[in-house]
PDB file of N, CA and C in Angstrom:
ATOM      1  N   MET A   1      -3.435 -11.359  18.372  1.00  0.00           N
ATOM      2  CA  MET A   1      -4.835 -11.703  18.973  1.00  0.00           C
ATOM      3  C   MET A   1      -5.964 -10.346  18.637  1.00  0.00           C
ATOM      4  N   THR A   2      -5.585  -9.612  17.797  1.00  0.00           N
ATOM      5  CA  THR A   2      -6.212  -8.646  17.669  1.00  0.00           C
ATOM      6  C   THR A   2      -7.173  -9.194  16.539  1.00  0.00           C
ATOM      7  N   LYS A   3      -7.178 -10.439  15.399  1.00  0.00           N
ATOM      8  CA  LYS A   3      -7.163 -10.517  14.355  1.00  0.00           C
ATOM      9  C   LYS A   3      -8.460 -11.559  15.065  1.00  0.00           C
ATOM     10  N   CYS A   4      -8.059 -12.178  16.257  1.00  0.00           N
ATOM     11  CA  CYS A   4      -9.216 -13.189  17.113  1.00  0.00           C
ATOM     12  C   CYS A   4     -10.399 -12.080  17.883  1.00  0.00           C
ATOM     13  N   GLN A   5      -9.949 -10.497  18.720  1.00  0.00           N
ATOM     14  CA  GLN A   5     -10.394  -9.923  18.885  1.00  0.00           C
ATOM     15  C   GLN A   5     -11.905  -9.359  17.835  1.00  0.00           C
ATOM     16  N   ASN A   6     -11.012  -9.104  15.810  1.00  0.00           N
ATOM     17  CA  ASN A   6     -12.309  -8.784  14.974  1.00  0.00           C
ATOM     18  C   ASN A   6     -13.020  -9.911  15.079  1.00  0.00           C
ATOM     19  N   LYS A   7     -12.998 -11.184  14.875  1.00  0.00           N
ATOM     20  CA  LYS A   7     -13.654 -11.755  14.792  1.00  0.00           C
ATOM     21  C   LYS A   7     -14.671 -11.961  15.889  1.00  0.00           C
ATOM     22  N   PHE A   8     -14.378 -12.291  17.072  1.00  0.00           N
ATOM     23  CA  PHE A   8     -15.092 -11.903  17.856  1.00  0.00           C
ATOM     24  C   PHE A   8     -16.186 -10.918  17.608  1.00  0.00           C
ATOM     25  N   ARG A   9     -15.631  -9.717  17.845  1.00  0.00           N
ATOM     26  CA  ARG A   9     -16.561  -8.308  17.519  1.00  0.00           C
ATOM     27  C   ARG A   9     -17.714  -9.020  15.734  1.00  0.00           C
ATOM     28  N   GLY A  10     -17.189  -9.912  15.125  1.00  0.00           N
ATOM     29  CA  GLY A  10     -17.933 -10.099  14.163  1.00  0.00           C
ATOM     30  C   GLY A  10     -18.966 -10.910  14.386  1.00  0.00           C
ATOM     31  N   LEU A  11     -18.645 -12.187  15.107  1.00  0.00           N
ATOM     32  CA  LEU A  11     -19.878 -12.435  15.702  1.00  0.00           C
ATOM     33  C   LEU A  11     -21.170 -12.292  15.948  1.00  0.00           C
ATOM     34  N   GLN A  12     -21.166 -10.817  16.740  1.00  0.00           N
ATOM     35  CA  GLN A  12     -22.456 -10.195  17.121  1.00  0.00           C
ATOM     36  C   GLN A  12     -23.154  -9.902  15.643  1.00  0.00           C
ATOM     37  N   THR A  13     -24.381 -11.625  15.713  1.00  0.00           N
ATOM     38  CA  THR A  13     -25.224 -11.176  14.733  1.00  0.00           C
ATOM     39  C   THR A  13     -26.358 -11.476  14.819  1.00  0.00           C
ATOM     40  N   ARG A  14     -27.591 -11.208  14.039  1.00  0.00           N
ATOM     41  CA  ARG A  14     -29.047 -11.194  14.661  1.00  0.00           C
ATOM     42  C   ARG A  14     -29.589 -12.418  14.011  1.00  0.00           C
ATOM     43  N   SER A  15     -28.687 -12.932  13.012  1.00  0.00           N
ATOM     44  CA  SER A  15     -29.900 -14.117  12.182  1.00  0.00           C
ATOM     45  C   SER A  15     -29.357 -15.518  12.925  1.00  0.00           C
ATOM     46  N   MET A  16     -30.391 -16.101  12.902  1.00  0.00           N
ATOM     47  CA  MET A  16     -29.975 -17.623  13.495  1.00  0.00           C
ATOM     48  C   MET A  16     -29.218 -18.770  13.035  1.00  0.00           C
ATOM     49  N   SER A  17     -28.983 -18.746  12.023  1.00  0.00           N
ATOM     50  CA  SER A  17     -28.568 -19.374  11.130  1.00  0.00           C
ATOM     51  C   SER A  17     -26.872 -19.785  11.440  1.00  0.00           C
ATOM     52  N   PHE A  18     -26.371 -20.653  11.326  1.00  0.00           N
ATOM     53  CA  PHE A  18     -24.702 -20.877  11.831  1.00  0.00           C
ATOM     54  C   PHE A  18     -23.769 -20.437  10.450  1.00  0.00           C
ATOM     55  N   PHE A  19     -24.494 -20.814   9.396  1.00  0.00           N
ATOM     56  CA  PHE A  19     -23.707 -20.212   8.235  1.00  0.00           C
ATOM     57  C   PHE A  19     -23.327 -18.787   7.372  1.00  0.00           C
ATOM     58  N   ARG A  20     -24.705 -18.241   8.023  1.00  0.00           N
ATOM     59  CA  ARG A  20     -24.786 -16.815   7.800  1.00  0.00           C
ATOM     60  C   ARG A  20     -24.124 -16.220   9.039  1.00  0.00           C
ATOM     61  N   ALA A  21     -24.223 -16.649  10.261  1.00  0.00           N
ATOM     62  CA  ALA A  21     -23.020 -15.671  10.677  1.00  0.00           C
ATOM     63  C   ALA A  21     -21.816 -15.896  10.805  1.00  0.00           C
ATOM     64  N   VAL A  22     -21.662 -17.233  10.112  1.00  0.00           N
ATOM     65  CA  VAL A  22     -20.312 -17.292   9.714  1.00  0.00           C
ATOM     66  C   VAL A  22     -19.808 -16.253   8.591  1.00  0.00           C
ATOM     67  N   GLU A  23     -20.529 -16.520   7.622  1.00  0.00           N
ATOM     68  CA  GLU A  23     -20.413 -15.437   6.497  1.00  0.00           C
ATOM     69  C   GLU A  23     -20.121 -13.827   6.840  1.00  0.00           C
ATOM     70  N   GLU A  24     -21.141 -13.761   7.619  1.00  0.00           N
ATOM     71  CA  GLU A  24     -21.108 -12.583   7.675  1.00  0.00           C
ATOM     72  C   GLU A  24     -19.838 -11.814   9.164  1.00  0.00           C
ATOM     73  N   MET A  25     -19.488 -12.742   9.930  1.00  0.00           N
ATOM     74  CA  MET A  25     -18.391 -12.945  10.871  1.00  0.00           C
ATOM     75  C   MET A  25     -17.252 -12.317   9.582  1.00  0.00           C
ATOM     76  N   ARG A  26     -16.930 -12.913   8.627  1.00  0.00           N
ATOM     77  CA  ARG A  26     -15.640 -13.413   7.841  1.00  0.00           C
ATOM     78  C   ARG A  26     -15.857 -11.629   6.591  1.00  0.00           C
ATOM     79  N   ARG A  27     -16.958 -11.329   6.336  1.00  0.00           N
ATOM     80  CA  ARG A  27     -16.950 -10.091   5.953  1.00  0.00           C
ATOM     81  C   ARG A  27     -16.701  -9.085   7.034  1.00  0.00           C
ATOM     82  N   GLU A  28     -17.233  -8.759   8.485  1.00  0.00           N
ATOM     83  CA  GLU A  28     -16.405  -7.993   9.176  1.00  0.00           C
ATOM     84  C   GLU A  28     -15.146  -7.791   9.423  1.00  0.00           C
ATOM     85  N   GLY A  29     -14.984  -9.435   9.544  1.00  0.00           N
ATOM     86  CA  GLY A  29     -13.511  -9.873   9.873  1.00  0.00           C
ATOM     87  C   GLY A  29     -12.186  -9.085   8.675  1.00  0.00           C
ATOM     88  N   GLU A  30     -12.929  -9.776   7.432  1.00  0.00           N
ATOM     89  CA  GLU A  30     -12.053  -8.818   6.143  1.00  0.00           C
ATOM     90  C   GLU A  30     -11.701  -6.936   6.455  1.00  0.00           C
ATOM     91  N   LYS A  31     -12.957  -6.363   7.134  1.00  0.00           N
ATOM     92  CA  LYS A  31     -12.840  -4.720   7.007  1.00  0.00           C
ATOM     93  C   LYS A  31     -12.151  -4.019   7.653  1.00  0.00           C
ATOM     94  N   MET A  32     -12.203  -5.438   8.670  1.00  0.00           N
ATOM     95  CA  MET A  32     -11.485  -4.149  10.213  1.00  0.00           C
ATOM     96  C   MET A  32      -9.674  -4.701  10.191  1.00  0.00           C
ATOM     97  N   ILE A  33      -9.413  -5.607   8.719  1.00  0.00           N
ATOM     98  CA  ILE A  33      -7.848  -5.882   8.690  1.00  0.00           C
ATOM     99  C   ILE A  33      -7.480  -4.958   7.470  1.00  0.00           C
ATOM    100  N   PRO A  34      -6.625  -4.344   7.960  1.00  0.00           N
ATOM    101  CA  PRO A  34      -5.618  -3.349   6.621  1.00  0.00           C
ATOM    102  C   PRO A  34      -5.424  -4.072   5.996  1.00  0.00           C
ATOM    103  N   ARG A  35      -5.140  -4.204   4.613  1.00  0.00           N
ATOM    104  CA  ARG A  35      -4.264  -4.660   3.266  1.00  0.00           C
ATOM    105  C   ARG A  35      -3.401  -3.857   2.462  1.00  0.00           C
ATOM    106  N   PRO A  36      -2.153  -4.276   2.694  1.00  0.00           N
ATOM    107  CA  PRO A  36      -1.154  -3.391   2.106  1.00  0.00           C
ATOM    108  C   PRO A  36      -1.391  -3.055   0.666  1.00  0.00           C
ATOM    109  N   GLU A  37      -2.321  -3.520  -0.092  1.00  0.00           N
ATOM    110  CA  GLU A  37      -2.824  -3.167  -1.629  1.00  0.00           C
ATOM    111  C   GLU A  37      -3.663  -1.597  -1.380  1.00  0.00           C
ATOM    112  N   ASP A  38      -4.287  -1.713  -0.160  1.00  0.00           N
ATOM    113  CA  ASP A  38      -5.560  -1.081  -0.146  1.00  0.00           C
ATOM    114  C   ASP A  38      -4.503   0.189   0.427  1.00  0.00           C
ATOM    115  N   MET A  39      -3.662   0.426   1.178  1.00  0.00           N
ATOM    116  CA  MET A  39      -2.413   1.446   2.316  1.00  0.00           C
ATOM    117  C   MET A  39      -2.060   2.206   1.384  1.00  0.00           C
ATOM    118  N   ARG A  40      -1.387   0.785   0.050  1.00  0.00           N
ATOM    119  CA  ARG A  40      -0.548   1.626  -1.361  1.00  0.00           C
ATOM    120  C   ARG A  40      -1.906   2.515  -1.812  1.00  0.00           C
ATOM    121  N   ARG A  41      -3.180   2.342  -2.094  1.00  0.00           N
ATOM    122  CA  ARG A  41      -3.475   3.019  -2.899  1.00  0.00           C
ATOM    123  C   ARG A  41      -4.244   4.306  -2.041  1.00  0.00           C
ATOM    124  N   GLN A  42      -4.584   4.259  -0.695  1.00  0.00           N
ATOM    125  CA  GLN A  42      -4.770   5.298  -0.192  1.00  0.00           C
ATOM    126  C   GLN A  42      -3.760   6.270  -0.427  1.00  0.00           C
ATOM    127  N   SER A  43      -2.554   5.955  -0.056  1.00  0.00           N
ATOM    128  CA  SER A  43      -1.340   7.121  -0.214  1.00  0.00           C
ATOM    129  C   SER A  43      -0.962   7.343  -1.511  1.00  0.00           C
ATOM    130  N   SER A  44      -1.358   6.563  -2.561  1.00  0.00           N
ATOM    131  CA  SER A  44      -1.425   7.136  -3.657  1.00  0.00           C
ATOM    132  C   SER A  44      -2.033   8.191  -4.053  1.00  0.00           C
ATOM    133  N   PHE A  45      -3.641   8.585  -2.886  1.00  0.00           N
ATOM    134  CA  PHE A  45      -4.451   9.957  -3.287  1.00  0.00           C
ATOM    135  C   PHE A  45      -3.412  10.845  -2.536  1.00  0.00           C
ATOM    136  N   LYS A  46      -2.834  10.313  -1.448  1.00  0.00           N
ATOM    137  CA  LYS A  46      -2.088  11.605  -0.743  1.00  0.00           C
ATOM    138  C   LYS A  46      -1.247  12.388  -1.437  1.00  0.00           C
ATOM    139  N   GLY A  47      -0.211  12.044  -2.799  1.00  0.00           N
ATOM    140  CA  GLY A  47       0.565  12.755  -3.520  1.00  0.00           C
ATOM    141  C   GLY A  47       1.557  11.291  -3.371  1.00  0.00           C
ATOM    142  N   ASN A  48       2.912  11.537  -4.215  1.00  0.00           N
ATOM    143  CA  ASN A  48       3.566  10.858  -4.498  1.00  0.00           C
ATOM    144  C   ASN A  48       5.035  11.771  -3.998  1.00  0.00           C
ATOM    145  N   TRP A  49       5.518  10.906  -2.922  1.00  0.00           N
ATOM    146  CA  TRP A  49       7.053  11.851  -2.361  1.00  0.00           C
ATOM    147  C   TRP A  49       8.085  11.282  -3.458  1.00  0.00           C
ATOM    148  N   TYR A  50       8.395  10.148  -4.305  1.00  0.00           N
ATOM    149  CA  TYR A  50       8.842   9.841  -4.625  1.00  0.00           C
ATOM    150  C   TYR A  50       9.680  10.895  -6.150  1.00  0.00           C
ATOM    151  N   THR A  51       8.548  11.105  -6.991  1.00  0.00           N
ATOM    152  CA  THR A  51       8.840  12.112  -8.038  1.00  0.00           C
ATOM    153  C   THR A  51       8.968  13.631  -7.309  1.00  0.00           C
ATOM    154  N   GLU A  52       7.910  13.894  -6.581  1.00  0.00           N
ATOM    155  CA  GLU A  52       8.728  15.085  -5.800  1.00  0.00           C
ATOM    156  C   GLU A  52      10.547  15.157  -5.609  1.00  0.00           C
ATOM    157  N   LEU A  53      10.731  13.836  -4.829  1.00  0.00           N
ATOM    158  CA  LEU A  53      12.004  14.020  -4.709  1.00  0.00           C
ATOM    159  C   LEU A  53      12.881  14.013  -5.817  1.00  0.00           C
ATOM    160  N   LEU A  54      12.635  12.976  -6.792  1.00  0.00           N
ATOM    161  CA  LEU A  54      13.402  13.437  -7.712  1.00  0.00           C
ATOM    162  C   LEU A  54      13.034  15.154  -8.530  1.00  0.00           C
ATOM    163  N   GLN A  55      12.257  15.364  -8.732  1.00  0.00           N
ATOM    164  CA  GLN A  55      12.035  17.357  -9.245  1.00  0.00           C
ATOM    165  C   GLN A  55      13.230  18.072  -8.272  1.00  0.00           C
ATOM    166  N   SER A  56      13.169  17.910  -7.239  1.00  0.00           N
ATOM    167  CA  SER A  56      14.201  18.074  -6.501  1.00  0.00           C
ATOM    168  C   SER A  56      15.537  18.416  -6.354  1.00  0.00           C
ATOM    169  N   ILE A  57      16.030  17.117  -7.134  1.00  0.00           N
ATOM    170  CA  ILE A  57      17.543  16.308  -6.788  1.00  0.00           C
ATOM    171  C   ILE A  57      17.909  17.395  -8.099  1.00  0.00           C
ATOM    172  N   PRO A  58      19.159  17.580  -7.839  1.00  0.00           N
ATOM    173  CA  PRO A  58      19.535  17.991  -9.218  1.00  0.00           C
ATOM    174  C   PRO A  58      20.448  17.515  -9.978  1.00  0.00           C
ATOM    175  N   LEU A  59      20.683  17.760 -11.483  1.00  0.00           N
ATOM    176  CA  LEU A  59      21.158  16.792 -12.641  1.00  0.00           C
ATOM    177  C   LEU A  59      22.181  15.898 -11.923  1.00  0.00           C
ATOM    178  N   GLU A  60      23.108  17.158 -11.715  1.00  0.00           N
ATOM    179  CA  GLU A  60      24.270  16.357 -11.387  1.00  0.00           C
ATOM    180  C   GLU A  60      24.423  15.305 -10.237  1.00  0.00           C
ATOM    181  N   VAL A  61      23.420  15.526  -9.411  1.00  0.00           N
ATOM    182  CA  VAL A  61      23.412  14.555  -8.532  1.00  0.00           C
ATOM    183  C   VAL A  61      23.001  13.122  -8.773  1.00  0.00           C
ATOM    184  N   LYS A  62      22.277  13.343  -9.777  1.00  0.00           N
ATOM    185  CA  LYS A  62      21.859  12.046 -10.144  1.00  0.00           C
ATOM    186  C   LYS A  62      22.435  11.456 -11.349  1.00  0.00           C
ATOM    187  N   ALA A  63      23.470  12.070 -11.902  1.00  0.00           N
ATOM    188  CA  ALA A  63      24.278  11.405 -12.683  1.00  0.00           C
ATOM    189  C   ALA A  63      25.546  10.688 -12.173  1.00  0.00           C
ATOM    190  N   ILE A  64      25.421  11.139 -10.876  1.00  0.00           N
ATOM    191  CA  ILE A  64      26.382   9.740 -10.250  1.00  0.00           C
ATOM    192  C   ILE A  64      26.267   8.710  -9.634  1.00  0.00           C
ATOM    193  N   TRP A  65      26.961   7.108  -9.900  1.00  0.00           N
ATOM    194  CA  TRP A  65      26.384   6.093  -9.552  1.00  0.00           C
ATOM    195  C   TRP A  65      25.874   5.662  -8.354  1.00  0.00           C
ATOM    196  N   PHE A  66      26.205   6.149  -7.313  1.00  0.00           N
ATOM    197  CA  PHE A  66      25.960   5.749  -6.137  1.00  0.00           C
ATOM    198  C   PHE A  66      25.002   6.353  -5.917  1.00  0.00           C
ATOM    199  N   TYR A  67      24.432   7.536  -6.155  1.00  0.00           N
ATOM    200  CA  TYR A  67      23.169   8.075  -5.723  1.00  0.00           C
ATOM    201  C   TYR A  67      21.829   7.822  -7.178  1.00  0.00           C
ATOM    202  N   ARG A  68      22.550   7.418  -8.119  1.00  0.00           N
ATOM    203  CA  ARG A  68      21.361   6.314  -8.734  1.00  0.00           C
ATOM    204  C   ARG A  68      21.031   5.152  -8.219  1.00  0.00           C
ATOM    205  N   ASP A  69      22.095   3.775  -7.798  1.00  0.00           N
ATOM    206  CA  ASP A  69      21.226   2.882  -7.068  1.00  0.00           C
ATOM    207  C   ASP A  69      20.587   3.443  -6.047  1.00  0.00           C
ATOM    208  N   VAL A  70      20.827   4.685  -5.096  1.00  0.00           N
ATOM    209  CA  VAL A  70      20.151   5.237  -4.091  1.00  0.00           C
ATOM    210  C   VAL A  70      18.805   4.795  -4.727  1.00  0.00           C
ATOM    211  N   LEU A  71      18.631   5.895  -5.411  1.00  0.00           N
ATOM    212  CA  LEU A  71      17.307   6.179  -6.117  1.00  0.00           C
ATOM    213  C   LEU A  71      16.446   5.260  -6.937  1.00  0.00           C
ATOM    214  N   SER A  72      17.088   4.058  -6.918  1.00  0.00           N
ATOM    215  CA  SER A  72      16.488   3.197  -8.004  1.00  0.00           C
ATOM    216  C   SER A  72      15.743   2.204  -6.839  1.00  0.00           C
ATOM    217  N   LYS A  73      16.624   1.888  -5.627  1.00  0.00           N
ATOM    218  CA  LYS A  73      16.230   1.209  -4.790  1.00  0.00           C
ATOM    219  C   LYS A  73      15.226   2.389  -3.838  1.00  0.00           C
ATOM    220  N   LEU A  74      15.200   3.215  -3.411  1.00  0.00           N
ATOM    221  CA  LEU A  74      14.097   4.059  -3.271  1.00  0.00           C
ATOM    222  C   LEU A  74      12.603   4.176  -4.033  1.00  0.00           C
ATOM    223  N   SER A  75      13.025   3.855  -5.485  1.00  0.00           N
ATOM    224  CA  SER A  75      11.587   3.787  -6.217  1.00  0.00           C
ATOM    225  C   SER A  75      10.701   2.461  -5.868  1.00  0.00           C
ATOM    226  N   ARG A  76      11.315   1.484  -5.766  1.00  0.00           N
ATOM    227  CA  ARG A  76      10.563   0.297  -5.212  1.00  0.00           C
ATOM    228  C   ARG A  76       9.399   1.145  -3.876  1.00  0.00           C
ATOM    229  N   TYR A  77       9.921   1.706  -3.281  1.00  0.00           N
ATOM    230  CA  TYR A  77       9.354   2.273  -2.065  1.00  0.00           C
ATOM    231  C   TYR A  77       8.293   3.284  -2.495  1.00  0.00           C
ATOM    232  N   GLY A  78       8.258   4.094  -3.239  1.00  0.00           N
ATOM    233  CA  GLY A  78       7.837   5.602  -3.851  1.00  0.00           C
ATOM    234  C   GLY A  78       6.703   5.002  -4.435  1.00  0.00           C
ATOM    235  N   LEU A  79       6.233   4.202  -4.598  1.00  0.00           N
ATOM    236  CA  LEU A  79       4.631   3.719  -5.647  1.00  0.00           C
ATOM    237  C   LEU A  79       4.531   3.970  -6.761  1.00  0.00           C
ATOM    238  N   VAL A  80       6.257   3.931  -7.415  1.00  0.00           N
ATOM    239  CA  VAL A  80       6.835   4.233  -8.810  1.00  0.00           C
ATOM    240  C   VAL A  80       7.492   3.110  -9.904  1.00  0.00           C
ATOM    241  N   ARG A  81       7.227   2.906 -10.462  1.00  0.00           N
ATOM    242  CA  ARG A  81       8.244   1.883 -11.150  1.00  0.00           C
ATOM    243  C   ARG A  81       8.939   2.664 -12.229  1.00  0.00           C
ATOM    244  N   GLU A  82       9.978   1.861 -12.521  1.00  0.00           N
ATOM    245  CA  GLU A  82      10.901   2.669 -13.482  1.00  0.00           C
ATOM    246  C   GLU A  82      10.556   1.581 -15.074  1.00  0.00           C
ATOM    247  N   ASP A  83      10.049   2.308 -16.273  1.00  0.00           N
ATOM    248  CA  ASP A  83      10.295   1.947 -17.411  1.00  0.00           C
ATOM    249  C   ASP A  83      11.244   1.004 -17.994  1.00  0.00           C
ATOM    250  N   VAL A  84      11.341   0.854 -18.995  1.00  0.00           N
ATOM    251  CA  VAL A  84      13.134   0.211 -19.853  1.00  0.00           C
ATOM    252  C   VAL A  84      13.870   1.693 -19.733  1.00  0.00           C
ATOM    253  N   ASP A  85      12.933   2.459 -20.303  1.00  0.00           N
ATOM    254  CA  ASP A  85      13.814   3.092 -21.228  1.00  0.00           C
ATOM    255  C   ASP A  85      14.131   4.308 -19.938  1.00  0.00           C
ATOM    256  N   GLY A  86      14.100   4.122 -18.465  1.00  0.00           N
ATOM    257  CA  GLY A  86      14.382   4.977 -17.300  1.00  0.00           C
ATOM    258  C   GLY A  86      12.982   5.903 -17.332  1.00  0.00           C
ATOM    259  N   GLU A  87      12.348   5.791 -18.147  1.00  0.00           N
ATOM    260  CA  GLU A  87      11.262   6.698 -17.687  1.00  0.00           C
ATOM    261  C   GLU A  87      10.535   6.901 -16.131  1.00  0.00           C
ATOM    262  N   VAL A  88      10.048   8.002 -15.191  1.00  0.00           N
ATOM    263  CA  VAL A  88       9.601   7.316 -14.121  1.00  0.00           C
ATOM    264  C   VAL A  88       7.761   7.412 -14.398  1.00  0.00           C
ATOM    265  N   TYR A  89       7.303   6.079 -13.984  1.00  0.00           N
ATOM    266  CA  TYR A  89       5.621   6.126 -14.666  1.00  0.00           C
ATOM    267  C   TYR A  89       5.011   6.184 -13.077  1.00  0.00           C
ATOM    268  N   CYS A  90       4.224   6.890 -12.951  1.00  0.00           N
ATOM    269  CA  CYS A  90       3.479   7.023 -11.642  1.00  0.00           C
ATOM    270  C   CYS A  90       2.176   6.471 -11.740  1.00  0.00           C
ATOM    271  N   PRO A  91       1.792   5.598 -11.167  1.00  0.00           N
ATOM    272  CA  PRO A  91      -0.071   4.722 -11.221  1.00  0.00           C
ATOM    273  C   PRO A  91      -0.726   5.947 -10.627  1.00  0.00           C
TER     274      PRO A  91
END
């Protein structure tokens, strides 16, 4: 429903050409729809919670296999990828 509303709002144009109106509608519609890539980029500027979590966990806990598996799963959502060496890379 919101997609249709966004397109309807995008139709409010001053040009008399149909093709220009459609192009303008597409541009306006794309601005209104949030994209996951943009959300990730914006949240990466706010700070990386995963690296803060890794820094606050004691080494003894990181050595336990169960917690290591949980941390690797959390790294998928923490805007962090692990290199082959096991080092954490922050984009």
